[in-house]
PDB file of N, CA and C in Angstrom:
ATOM      1  N   MET A   1     106.450 -63.342 -28.186  1.00  0.00           N
ATOM      2  CA  MET A   1     106.669 -64.929 -27.982  1.00  0.00           C
ATOM      3  C   MET A   1     107.899 -65.362 -28.513  1.00  0.00           C
ATOM      4  N   LEU A   2     108.064 -64.944 -29.862  1.00  0.00           N
ATOM      5  CA  LEU A   2     109.297 -65.563 -30.506  1.00  0.00           C
ATOM      6  C   LEU A   2     110.608 -65.205 -29.760  1.00  0.00           C
ATOM      7  N   SER A   3     110.783 -63.729 -29.458  1.00  0.00           N
ATOM      8  CA  SER A   3     112.074 -63.310 -28.648  1.00  0.00           C
ATOM      9  C   SER A   3     112.263 -64.285 -27.454  1.00  0.00           C
ATOM     10  N   ASN A   4     111.167 -64.371 -26.584  1.00  0.00           N
ATOM     11  CA  ASN A   4     111.340 -65.082 -25.451  1.00  0.00           C
ATOM     12  C   ASN A   4     111.716 -66.614 -25.734  1.00  0.00           C
ATOM     13  N   SER A   5     110.992 -67.246 -26.679  1.00  0.00           N
ATOM     14  CA  SER A   5     111.504 -68.574 -27.106  1.00  0.00           C
ATOM     15  C   SER A   5     113.070 -68.724 -27.344  1.00  0.00           C
ATOM     16  N   ILE A   6     113.536 -67.603 -28.216  1.00  0.00           N
ATOM     17  CA  ILE A   6     114.773 -67.749 -28.439  1.00  0.00           C
ATOM     18  C   ILE A   6     115.880 -67.411 -27.358  1.00  0.00           C
ATOM     19  N   LYS A   7     115.456 -66.327 -26.543  1.00  0.00           N
ATOM     20  CA  LYS A   7     116.226 -66.020 -25.440  1.00  0.00           C
ATOM     21  C   LYS A   7     116.254 -67.024 -24.584  1.00  0.00           C
ATOM     22  N   PHE A   8     115.292 -67.931 -24.335  1.00  0.00           N
ATOM     23  CA  PHE A   8     115.438 -69.110 -23.257  1.00  0.00           C
ATOM     24  C   PHE A   8     115.696 -70.200 -23.818  1.00  0.00           C
ATOM     25  N   SER A   9     116.154 -70.367 -24.904  1.00  0.00           N
ATOM     26  CA  SER A   9     116.500 -71.755 -25.564  1.00  0.00           C
ATOM     27  C   SER A   9     118.124 -71.778 -25.764  1.00  0.00           C
ATOM     28  N   ASN A  10     118.776 -72.913 -25.587  1.00  0.00           N
ATOM     29  CA  ASN A  10     120.307 -72.899 -25.957  1.00  0.00           C
ATOM     30  C   ASN A  10     120.560 -72.677 -27.344  1.00  0.00           C
ATOM     31  N   ALA A  11     121.684 -72.364 -27.565  1.00  0.00           N
ATOM     32  CA  ALA A  11     122.234 -72.504 -28.908  1.00  0.00           C
ATOM     33  C   ALA A  11     122.093 -73.707 -29.360  1.00  0.00           C
ATOM     34  N   GLY A  12     121.579 -73.676 -30.697  1.00  0.00           N
ATOM     35  CA  GLY A  12     121.546 -75.057 -31.457  1.00  0.00           C
ATOM     36  C   GLY A  12     120.226 -75.700 -31.158  1.00  0.00           C
ATOM     37  N   SER A  13     119.325 -75.238 -30.256  1.00  0.00           N
ATOM     38  CA  SER A  13     117.914 -75.976 -30.272  1.00  0.00           C
ATOM     39  C   SER A  13     117.003 -75.238 -31.145  1.00  0.00           C
ATOM     40  N   ARG A  14     115.795 -75.922 -31.034  1.00  0.00           N
ATOM     41  CA  ARG A  14     115.061 -75.569 -32.276  1.00  0.00           C
ATOM     42  C   ARG A  14     113.874 -74.832 -31.776  1.00  0.00           C
ATOM     43  N   VAL A  15     113.501 -73.572 -32.557  1.00  0.00           N
ATOM     44  CA  VAL A  15     112.346 -72.828 -32.325  1.00  0.00           C
ATOM     45  C   VAL A  15     111.602 -72.687 -33.523  1.00  0.00           C
ATOM     46  N   GLU A  16     110.382 -73.141 -33.384  1.00  0.00           N
ATOM     47  CA  GLU A  16     109.448 -73.195 -34.459  1.00  0.00           C
ATOM     48  C   GLU A  16     108.124 -72.211 -34.423  1.00  0.00           C
ATOM     49  N   ILE A  17     107.918 -71.773 -35.709  1.00  0.00           N
ATOM     50  CA  ILE A  17     106.579 -70.888 -35.739  1.00  0.00           C
ATOM     51  C   ILE A  17     105.568 -71.639 -36.547  1.00  0.00           C
ATOM     52  N   LEU A  18     104.522 -71.806 -35.942  1.00  0.00           N
ATOM     53  CA  LEU A  18     103.432 -72.586 -36.616  1.00  0.00           C
ATOM     54  C   LEU A  18     102.213 -71.693 -36.885  1.00  0.00           C
ATOM     55  N   THR A  19     101.597 -71.786 -38.048  1.00  0.00           N
ATOM     56  CA  THR A  19     100.339 -71.026 -38.231  1.00  0.00           C
ATOM     57  C   THR A  19      99.473 -71.881 -38.972  1.00  0.00           C
ATOM     58  N   TYR A  20      98.151 -71.798 -38.661  1.00  0.00           N
ATOM     59  CA  TYR A  20      97.198 -72.301 -39.473  1.00  0.00           C
ATOM     60  C   TYR A  20      95.563 -71.693 -39.333  1.00  0.00           C
ATOM     61  N   GLN A  21      94.833 -71.905 -40.223  1.00  0.00           N
ATOM     62  CA  GLN A  21      93.500 -71.393 -40.073  1.00  0.00           C
ATOM     63  C   GLN A  21      92.481 -72.459 -40.175  1.00  0.00           C
ATOM     64  N   ASN A  22      91.336 -72.374 -39.170  1.00  0.00           N
ATOM     65  CA  ASN A  22      90.478 -73.378 -39.526  1.00  0.00           C
ATOM     66  C   ASN A  22      89.118 -72.876 -39.118  1.00  0.00           C
ATOM     67  N   THR A  23      87.844 -73.299 -39.695  1.00  0.00           N
ATOM     68  CA  THR A  23      86.639 -72.599 -39.527  1.00  0.00           C
ATOM     69  C   THR A  23      86.201 -72.598 -37.902  1.00  0.00           C
ATOM     70  N   GLN A  24      86.726 -73.474 -37.387  1.00  0.00           N
ATOM     71  CA  GLN A  24      86.188 -73.825 -35.986  1.00  0.00           C
ATOM     72  C   GLN A  24      86.789 -72.843 -34.971  1.00  0.00           C
ATOM     73  N   ASN A  25      88.212 -72.810 -35.102  1.00  0.00           N
ATOM     74  CA  ASN A  25      88.900 -72.055 -34.020  1.00  0.00           C
ATOM     75  C   ASN A  25      89.303 -70.719 -34.695  1.00  0.00           C
ATOM     76  N   GLY A  26      89.448 -70.457 -35.837  1.00  0.00           N
ATOM     77  CA  GLY A  26      89.937 -69.319 -36.325  1.00  0.00           C
ATOM     78  C   GLY A  26      91.694 -69.353 -36.663  1.00  0.00           C
ATOM     79  N   LEU A  27      92.304 -68.376 -36.631  1.00  0.00           N
ATOM     80  CA  LEU A  27      93.572 -68.561 -36.935  1.00  0.00           C
ATOM     81  C   LEU A  27      94.551 -68.611 -35.679  1.00  0.00           C
ATOM     82  N   VAL A  28      95.465 -69.716 -35.647  1.00  0.00           N
ATOM     83  CA  VAL A  28      96.401 -70.227 -34.779  1.00  0.00           C
ATOM     84  C   VAL A  28      97.653 -69.893 -34.943  1.00  0.00           C
ATOM     85  N   LEU A  29      98.235 -69.217 -34.039  1.00  0.00           N
ATOM     86  CA  LEU A  29      99.810 -68.921 -34.006  1.00  0.00           C
ATOM     87  C   LEU A  29     100.357 -69.789 -32.827  1.00  0.00           C
ATOM     88  N   LYS A  30     101.442 -70.439 -33.225  1.00  0.00           N
ATOM     89  CA  LYS A  30     102.079 -71.104 -32.051  1.00  0.00           C
ATOM     90  C   LYS A  30     103.655 -70.962 -32.251  1.00  0.00           C
ATOM     91  N   VAL A  31     104.099 -70.854 -31.070  1.00  0.00           N
ATOM     92  CA  VAL A  31     105.724 -70.710 -31.106  1.00  0.00           C
ATOM     93  C   VAL A  31     106.098 -71.821 -30.162  1.00  0.00           C
ATOM     94  N   VAL A  32     107.059 -72.834 -30.568  1.00  0.00           N
ATOM     95  CA  VAL A  32     107.351 -74.019 -30.036  1.00  0.00           C
ATOM     96  C   VAL A  32     108.819 -73.946 -29.872  1.00  0.00           C
ATOM     97  N   ASP A  33     109.253 -74.172 -28.442  1.00  0.00           N
ATOM     98  CA  ASP A  33     110.792 -74.076 -28.468  1.00  0.00           C
ATOM     99  C   ASP A  33     111.139 -75.356 -27.598  1.00  0.00           C
ATOM    100  N   GLN A  34     112.431 -75.382 -27.448  1.00  0.00           N
ATOM    101  CA  GLN A  34     113.073 -76.537 -26.715  1.00  0.00           C
ATOM    102  C   GLN A  34     114.027 -75.878 -25.742  1.00  0.00           C
ATOM    103  N   GLY A  35     113.285 -74.901 -25.013  1.00  0.00           N
ATOM    104  CA  GLY A  35     114.147 -74.093 -24.066  1.00  0.00           C
ATOM    105  C   GLY A  35     114.038 -74.861 -22.537  1.00  0.00           C
ATOM    106  N   ILE A  36     114.231 -73.659 -21.742  1.00  0.00           N
ATOM    107  CA  ILE A  36     114.276 -74.258 -20.261  1.00  0.00           C
ATOM    108  C   ILE A  36     113.019 -74.599 -19.831  1.00  0.00           C
ATOM    109  N   GLY A  37     112.063 -74.085 -20.328  1.00  0.00           N
ATOM    110  CA  GLY A  37     110.605 -74.500 -19.869  1.00  0.00           C
ATOM    111  C   GLY A  37     110.070 -73.326 -18.984  1.00  0.00           C
ATOM    112  N   ILE A  38     108.923 -73.462 -18.466  1.00  0.00           N
ATOM    113  CA  ILE A  38     108.407 -72.484 -17.553  1.00  0.00           C
ATOM    114  C   ILE A  38     107.777 -73.467 -16.301  1.00  0.00           C
ATOM    115  N   GLU A  39     108.152 -73.368 -15.170  1.00  0.00           N
ATOM    116  CA  GLU A  39     107.665 -73.887 -13.982  1.00  0.00           C
ATOM    117  C   GLU A  39     106.018 -73.650 -13.903  1.00  0.00           C
ATOM    118  N   ASN A  40     105.257 -74.736 -13.593  1.00  0.00           N
ATOM    119  CA  ASN A  40     103.613 -74.458 -13.404  1.00  0.00           C
ATOM    120  C   ASN A  40     103.337 -73.383 -12.683  1.00  0.00           C
ATOM    121  N   ASP A  41     103.926 -73.233 -11.376  1.00  0.00           N
ATOM    122  CA  ASP A  41     103.580 -72.206 -10.511  1.00  0.00           C
ATOM    123  C   ASP A  41     103.878 -70.816 -10.940  1.00  0.00           C
ATOM    124  N   ILE A  42     104.559 -70.685 -11.858  1.00  0.00           N
ATOM    125  CA  ILE A  42     104.841 -69.157 -12.255  1.00  0.00           C
ATOM    126  C   ILE A  42     104.208 -68.508 -13.632  1.00  0.00           C
ATOM    127  N   VAL A  43     103.359 -69.382 -14.140  1.00  0.00           N
ATOM    128  CA  VAL A  43     102.817 -69.026 -15.291  1.00  0.00           C
ATOM    129  C   VAL A  43     102.102 -67.814 -15.264  1.00  0.00           C
ATOM    130  N   GLN A  44     101.195 -67.595 -14.303  1.00  0.00           N
ATOM    131  CA  GLN A  44     100.495 -66.244 -14.179  1.00  0.00           C
ATOM    132  C   GLN A  44     101.248 -65.454 -13.792  1.00  0.00           C
ATOM    133  N   ALA A  45     102.379 -65.348 -12.969  1.00  0.00           N
ATOM    134  CA  ALA A  45     103.272 -64.251 -12.742  1.00  0.00           C
ATOM    135  C   ALA A  45     104.027 -63.635 -13.893  1.00  0.00           C
ATOM    136  N   ILE A  46     104.314 -64.600 -14.759  1.00  0.00           N
ATOM    137  CA  ILE A  46     105.107 -63.942 -15.980  1.00  0.00           C
ATOM    138  C   ILE A  46     104.091 -63.348 -16.870  1.00  0.00           C
ATOM    139  N   LEU A  47     102.817 -63.280 -16.791  1.00  0.00           N
ATOM    140  CA  LEU A  47     102.065 -62.666 -17.610  1.00  0.00           C
ATOM    141  C   LEU A  47     101.908 -61.129 -17.074  1.00  0.00           C
ATOM    142  N   GLU A  48     102.253 -60.808 -15.983  1.00  0.00           N
ATOM    143  CA  GLU A  48     102.144 -59.627 -15.363  1.00  0.00           C
ATOM    144  C   GLU A  48     103.429 -58.622 -15.833  1.00  0.00           C
ATOM    145  N   PRO A  49     102.997 -57.396 -16.016  1.00  0.00           N
ATOM    146  CA  PRO A  49     104.058 -56.404 -16.470  1.00  0.00           C
ATOM    147  C   PRO A  49     105.304 -56.560 -15.488  1.00  0.00           C
ATOM    148  N   PHE A  50     106.450 -56.323 -16.047  1.00  0.00           N
ATOM    149  CA  PHE A  50     107.865 -56.143 -15.154  1.00  0.00           C
ATOM    150  C   PHE A  50     108.083 -57.440 -14.305  1.00  0.00           C
ATOM    151  N   SER A  51     107.457 -58.586 -14.811  1.00  0.00           N
ATOM    152  CA  SER A  51     107.598 -59.614 -13.954  1.00  0.00           C
ATOM    153  C   SER A  51     108.837 -60.330 -14.562  1.00  0.00           C
ATOM    154  N   ARG A  52     109.948 -60.592 -13.608  1.00  0.00           N
ATOM    155  CA  ARG A  52     111.050 -61.371 -13.902  1.00  0.00           C
ATOM    156  C   ARG A  52     111.307 -62.555 -13.058  1.00  0.00           C
ATOM    157  N   VAL A  53     110.590 -63.615 -13.330  1.00  0.00           N
ATOM    158  CA  VAL A  53     110.553 -64.562 -12.214  1.00  0.00           C
ATOM    159  C   VAL A  53     111.977 -65.558 -12.400  1.00  0.00           C
ATOM    160  N   THR A  54     112.505 -65.711 -11.490  1.00  0.00           N
ATOM    161  CA  THR A  54     113.960 -66.296 -11.269  1.00  0.00           C
ATOM    162  C   THR A  54     113.868 -67.724 -10.706  1.00  0.00           C
ATOM    163  N   THR A  55     113.567 -68.745 -11.474  1.00  0.00           N
ATOM    164  CA  THR A  55     113.593 -70.211 -10.681  1.00  0.00           C
ATOM    165  C   THR A  55     114.432 -71.155 -11.621  1.00  0.00           C
ATOM    166  N   SER A  56     115.222 -70.581 -12.503  1.00  0.00           N
ATOM    167  CA  SER A  56     115.885 -71.537 -13.348  1.00  0.00           C
ATOM    168  C   SER A  56     117.321 -71.377 -12.988  1.00  0.00           C
ATOM    169  N   PRO A  57     118.115 -72.718 -13.237  1.00  0.00           N
ATOM    170  CA  PRO A  57     119.498 -72.745 -12.805  1.00  0.00           C
ATOM    171  C   PRO A  57     120.164 -71.714 -13.697  1.00  0.00           C
ATOM    172  N   LEU A  58     119.578 -71.078 -14.787  1.00  0.00           N
ATOM    173  CA  LEU A  58     120.284 -70.122 -15.726  1.00  0.00           C
ATOM    174  C   LEU A  58     119.912 -68.770 -15.390  1.00  0.00           C
ATOM    175  N   ASP A  59     119.459 -68.588 -14.057  1.00  0.00           N
ATOM    176  CA  ASP A  59     118.981 -67.179 -13.807  1.00  0.00           C
ATOM    177  C   ASP A  59     120.110 -66.198 -13.649  1.00  0.00           C
ATOM    178  N   GLY A  60     119.726 -64.920 -13.965  1.00  0.00           N
ATOM    179  CA  GLY A  60     120.798 -63.895 -14.066  1.00  0.00           C
ATOM    180  C   GLY A  60     121.535 -63.822 -15.508  1.00  0.00           C
ATOM    181  N   THR A  61     121.208 -64.708 -16.322  1.00  0.00           N
ATOM    182  CA  THR A  61     122.105 -64.621 -17.561  1.00  0.00           C
ATOM    183  C   THR A  61     121.097 -64.055 -18.536  1.00  0.00           C
ATOM    184  N   TYR A  62     119.965 -63.645 -18.368  1.00  0.00           N
ATOM    185  CA  TYR A  62     119.189 -63.042 -19.393  1.00  0.00           C
ATOM    186  C   TYR A  62     118.664 -61.660 -18.882  1.00  0.00           C
ATOM    187  N   GLU A  63     118.731 -60.702 -20.092  1.00  0.00           N
ATOM    188  CA  GLU A  63     118.327 -59.366 -19.966  1.00  0.00           C
ATOM    189  C   GLU A  63     116.981 -59.225 -20.264  1.00  0.00           C
ATOM    190  N   GLY A  64     116.429 -58.014 -19.893  1.00  0.00           N
ATOM    191  CA  GLY A  64     114.938 -57.974 -20.253  1.00  0.00           C
ATOM    192  C   GLY A  64     114.312 -57.179 -19.107  1.00  0.00           C
ATOM    193  N   THR A  65     113.080 -56.606 -19.646  1.00  0.00           N
ATOM    194  CA  THR A  65     112.270 -55.747 -18.566  1.00  0.00           C
ATOM    195  C   THR A  65     111.073 -56.745 -18.002  1.00  0.00           C
ATOM    196  N   GLY A  66     110.774 -57.655 -18.447  1.00  0.00           N
ATOM    197  CA  GLY A  66     109.722 -58.466 -17.898  1.00  0.00           C
ATOM    198  C   GLY A  66     108.445 -58.114 -18.450  1.00  0.00           C
ATOM    199  N   LEU A  67     108.472 -57.551 -19.648  1.00  0.00           N
ATOM    200  CA  LEU A  67     107.207 -57.048 -20.446  1.00  0.00           C
ATOM    201  C   LEU A  67     106.827 -57.948 -21.623  1.00  0.00           C
ATOM    202  N   GLY A  68     107.814 -58.794 -22.070  1.00  0.00           N
ATOM    203  CA  GLY A  68     107.461 -59.559 -23.339  1.00  0.00           C
ATOM    204  C   GLY A  68     105.968 -60.364 -23.334  1.00  0.00           C
ATOM    205  N   LEU A  69     106.028 -61.196 -22.415  1.00  0.00           N
ATOM    206  CA  LEU A  69     104.696 -61.873 -22.370  1.00  0.00           C
ATOM    207  C   LEU A  69     103.431 -61.118 -21.679  1.00  0.00           C
ATOM    208  N   SER A  70     103.617 -60.122 -21.091  1.00  0.00           N
ATOM    209  CA  SER A  70     102.522 -59.273 -20.627  1.00  0.00           C
ATOM    210  C   SER A  70     102.099 -58.613 -21.763  1.00  0.00           C
ATOM    211  N   ILE A  71     103.060 -57.998 -22.756  1.00  0.00           N
ATOM    212  CA  ILE A  71     102.495 -57.386 -23.805  1.00  0.00           C
ATOM    213  C   ILE A  71     101.849 -58.395 -24.698  1.00  0.00           C
ATOM    214  N   VAL A  72     102.094 -59.416 -24.965  1.00  0.00           N
ATOM    215  CA  VAL A  72     101.554 -60.603 -25.626  1.00  0.00           C
ATOM    216  C   VAL A  72     100.127 -60.742 -25.045  1.00  0.00           C
ATOM    217  N   ASN A  73     100.153 -60.855 -23.809  1.00  0.00           N
ATOM    218  CA  ASN A  73      98.803 -61.171 -23.066  1.00  0.00           C
ATOM    219  C   ASN A  73      97.865 -60.118 -23.473  1.00  0.00           C
ATOM    220  N   ALA A  74      98.095 -58.806 -23.175  1.00  0.00           N
ATOM    221  CA  ALA A  74      97.407 -57.622 -23.494  1.00  0.00           C
ATOM    222  C   ALA A  74      96.787 -57.471 -25.030  1.00  0.00           C
ATOM    223  N   LEU A  75      97.786 -57.766 -26.047  1.00  0.00           N
ATOM    224  CA  LEU A  75      97.374 -57.862 -27.272  1.00  0.00           C
ATOM    225  C   LEU A  75      96.357 -58.896 -27.510  1.00  0.00           C
ATOM    226  N   VAL A  76      96.558 -60.029 -27.002  1.00  0.00           N
ATOM    227  CA  VAL A  76      95.710 -61.311 -26.997  1.00  0.00           C
ATOM    228  C   VAL A  76      94.419 -60.747 -26.642  1.00  0.00           C
ATOM    229  N   GLU A  77      94.230 -60.280 -25.481  1.00  0.00           N
ATOM    230  CA  GLU A  77      93.122 -59.848 -24.731  1.00  0.00           C
ATOM    231  C   GLU A  77      92.071 -58.755 -25.773  1.00  0.00           C
ATOM    232  N   ALA A  78      92.925 -57.812 -26.148  1.00  0.00           N
ATOM    233  CA  ALA A  78      92.643 -56.772 -27.184  1.00  0.00           C
ATOM    234  C   ALA A  78      91.734 -57.332 -28.289  1.00  0.00           C
ATOM    235  N   HIS A  79      92.342 -58.308 -28.775  1.00  0.00           N
ATOM    236  CA  HIS A  79      91.852 -59.028 -30.020  1.00  0.00           C
ATOM    237  C   HIS A  79      90.867 -60.182 -29.765  1.00  0.00           C
ATOM    238  N   GLU A  80      90.413 -60.287 -28.445  1.00  0.00           N
ATOM    239  CA  GLU A  80      89.464 -61.269 -28.031  1.00  0.00           C
ATOM    240  C   GLU A  80      89.827 -62.693 -28.484  1.00  0.00           C
ATOM    241  N   ALA A  81      91.242 -62.774 -28.337  1.00  0.00           N
ATOM    242  CA  ALA A  81      91.934 -64.079 -28.605  1.00  0.00           C
ATOM    243  C   ALA A  81      92.135 -64.955 -27.357  1.00  0.00           C
ATOM    244  N   THR A  82      92.633 -65.898 -27.461  1.00  0.00           N
ATOM    245  CA  THR A  82      93.029 -66.746 -26.216  1.00  0.00           C
ATOM    246  C   THR A  82      94.551 -67.130 -26.319  1.00  0.00           C
ATOM    247  N   LEU A  83      95.158 -67.042 -24.992  1.00  0.00           N
ATOM    248  CA  LEU A  83      96.460 -67.486 -25.104  1.00  0.00           C
ATOM    249  C   LEU A  83      96.600 -68.791 -24.048  1.00  0.00           C
ATOM    250  N   ASP A  84      97.565 -69.642 -24.564  1.00  0.00           N
ATOM    251  CA  ASP A  84      97.737 -71.004 -23.973  1.00  0.00           C
ATOM    252  C   ASP A  84      99.168 -71.247 -23.816  1.00  0.00           C
ATOM    253  N   ILE A  85      99.660 -71.550 -22.825  1.00  0.00           N
ATOM    254  CA  ILE A  85     100.850 -71.851 -22.415  1.00  0.00           C
ATOM    255  C   ILE A  85     101.128 -73.343 -22.078  1.00  0.00           C
ATOM    256  N   GLU A  86     101.784 -74.234 -22.853  1.00  0.00           N
ATOM    257  CA  GLU A  86     101.907 -75.590 -22.697  1.00  0.00           C
ATOM    258  C   GLU A  86     103.428 -75.746 -22.125  1.00  0.00           C
ATOM    259  N   ARG A  87     103.774 -76.080 -21.155  1.00  0.00           N
ATOM    260  CA  ARG A  87     105.121 -76.143 -20.738  1.00  0.00           C
ATOM    261  C   ARG A  87     105.581 -77.419 -20.071  1.00  0.00           C
ATOM    262  N   ILE A  88     106.659 -77.725 -20.243  1.00  0.00           N
ATOM    263  CA  ILE A  88     107.371 -79.010 -19.723  1.00  0.00           C
ATOM    264  C   ILE A  88     108.868 -78.312 -19.224  1.00  0.00           C
ATOM    265  N   PRO A  89     108.978 -78.087 -17.894  1.00  0.00           N
ATOM    266  CA  PRO A  89     110.157 -77.556 -17.344  1.00  0.00           C
ATOM    267  C   PRO A  89     111.366 -78.357 -17.844  1.00  0.00           C
ATOM    268  N   GLY A  90     112.181 -77.582 -18.151  1.00  0.00           N
ATOM    269  CA  GLY A  90     113.640 -78.293 -18.653  1.00  0.00           C
ATOM    270  C   GLY A  90     113.481 -78.839 -20.009  1.00  0.00           C
ATOM    271  N   THR A  91     112.269 -78.937 -20.818  1.00  0.00           N
ATOM    272  CA  THR A  91     112.160 -79.466 -22.085  1.00  0.00           C
ATOM    273  C   THR A  91     111.810 -78.582 -23.016  1.00  0.00           C
ATOM    274  N   GLY A  92     110.895 -77.646 -22.636  1.00  0.00           N
ATOM    275  CA  GLY A  92     110.415 -76.670 -23.766  1.00  0.00           C
ATOM    276  C   GLY A  92     108.942 -76.196 -23.241  1.00  0.00           C
ATOM    277  N   THR A  93     108.568 -75.142 -24.318  1.00  0.00           N
ATOM    278  CA  THR A  93     107.463 -74.441 -24.115  1.00  0.00           C
ATOM    279  C   THR A  93     106.751 -74.344 -25.533  1.00  0.00           C
ATOM    280  N   THR A  94     105.342 -74.302 -25.373  1.00  0.00           N
ATOM    281  CA  THR A  94     104.818 -74.080 -26.668  1.00  0.00           C
ATOM    282  C   THR A  94     103.465 -72.895 -26.099  1.00  0.00           C
ATOM    283  N   VAL A  95     103.745 -71.771 -26.938  1.00  0.00           N
ATOM    284  CA  VAL A  95     102.824 -70.769 -26.516  1.00  0.00           C
ATOM    285  C   VAL A  95     101.814 -70.691 -27.675  1.00  0.00           C
ATOM    286  N   THR A  96     100.511 -70.666 -27.545  1.00  0.00           N
ATOM    287  CA  THR A  96      99.612 -70.699 -28.487  1.00  0.00           C
ATOM    288  C   THR A  96      98.686 -69.700 -28.439  1.00  0.00           C
ATOM    289  N   VAL A  97      98.447 -68.826 -29.521  1.00  0.00           N
ATOM    290  CA  VAL A  97      97.438 -67.683 -29.830  1.00  0.00           C
ATOM    291  C   VAL A  97      96.228 -68.169 -30.684  1.00  0.00           C
ATOM    292  N   THR A  98      95.115 -68.009 -30.063  1.00  0.00           N
ATOM    293  CA  THR A  98      94.104 -68.455 -31.208  1.00  0.00           C
ATOM    294  C   THR A  98      93.227 -67.492 -31.231  1.00  0.00           C
ATOM    295  N   PHE A  99      92.864 -66.812 -32.447  1.00  0.00           N
ATOM    296  CA  PHE A  99      92.083 -65.598 -32.830  1.00  0.00           C
ATOM    297  C   PHE A  99      90.763 -66.240 -33.256  1.00  0.00           C
ATOM    298  N   PRO A 100      89.690 -65.692 -32.687  1.00  0.00           N
ATOM    299  CA  PRO A 100      88.389 -66.011 -33.132  1.00  0.00           C
ATOM    300  C   PRO A 100      88.112 -65.946 -34.591  1.00  0.00           C
ATOM    301  N   PRO A 101      87.415 -66.698 -35.131  1.00  0.00           N
ATOM    302  CA  PRO A 101      87.001 -67.073 -36.442  1.00  0.00           C
ATOM    303  C   PRO A 101      86.710 -65.668 -37.451  1.00  0.00           C
ATOM    304  N   GLU A 102      85.829 -64.873 -36.645  1.00  0.00           N
ATOM    305  CA  GLU A 102      85.446 -63.560 -37.157  1.00  0.00           C
ATOM    306  C   GLU A 102      86.560 -62.715 -37.346  1.00  0.00           C
ATOM    307  N   LEU A 103      87.711 -62.788 -36.829  1.00  0.00           N
ATOM    308  CA  LEU A 103      88.778 -61.817 -36.978  1.00  0.00           C
ATOM    309  C   LEU A 103      89.815 -62.406 -37.954  1.00  0.00           C
ATOM    310  N   THR A 104      89.515 -63.410 -38.438  1.00  0.00           N
ATOM    311  CA  THR A 104      90.625 -64.093 -39.567  1.00  0.00           C
ATOM    312  C   THR A 104      90.280 -63.574 -41.002  1.00  0.00           C
ATOM    313  N   LEU A 105      91.176 -63.717 -41.785  1.00  0.00           N
ATOM    314  CA  LEU A 105      91.371 -63.162 -43.190  1.00  0.00           C
ATOM    315  C   LEU A 105      90.410 -64.234 -43.846  1.00  0.00           C
ATOM    316  N   GLU A 106      89.801 -63.564 -44.799  1.00  0.00           N
ATOM    317  CA  GLU A 106      89.024 -64.565 -45.921  1.00  0.00           C
ATOM    318  C   GLU A 106      89.864 -64.621 -47.149  1.00  0.00           C
ATOM    319  N   ASN A 107      89.695 -65.895 -47.808  1.00  0.00           N
ATOM    320  CA  ASN A 107      90.373 -66.055 -49.088  1.00  0.00           C
ATOM    321  C   ASN A 107      89.821 -65.483 -50.286  1.00  0.00           C
TER     322      ASN A 107
END
């Protein structure tokens, strides 16, 4: 999640990592960027292995295998967590993973 946010953000833009825990939702991990964003119609495709969707004006400038978010998605499912992708094309993306309360650490 973090490497994709950095990869698809311009130099000088902001990438944030946020975490918090509450009794209702469990542990929440968010990565928020000001990158190129993700078009609504390709969200499911980018969760598939080896998917490299090219719909950005910056196409061809990024290296990778297309495994990043598919691995994140598989790990999320394996931990019975949820994955949510909020996107505003051209403005940024927020990827949120929420782990169930029973999997979080106790104080």
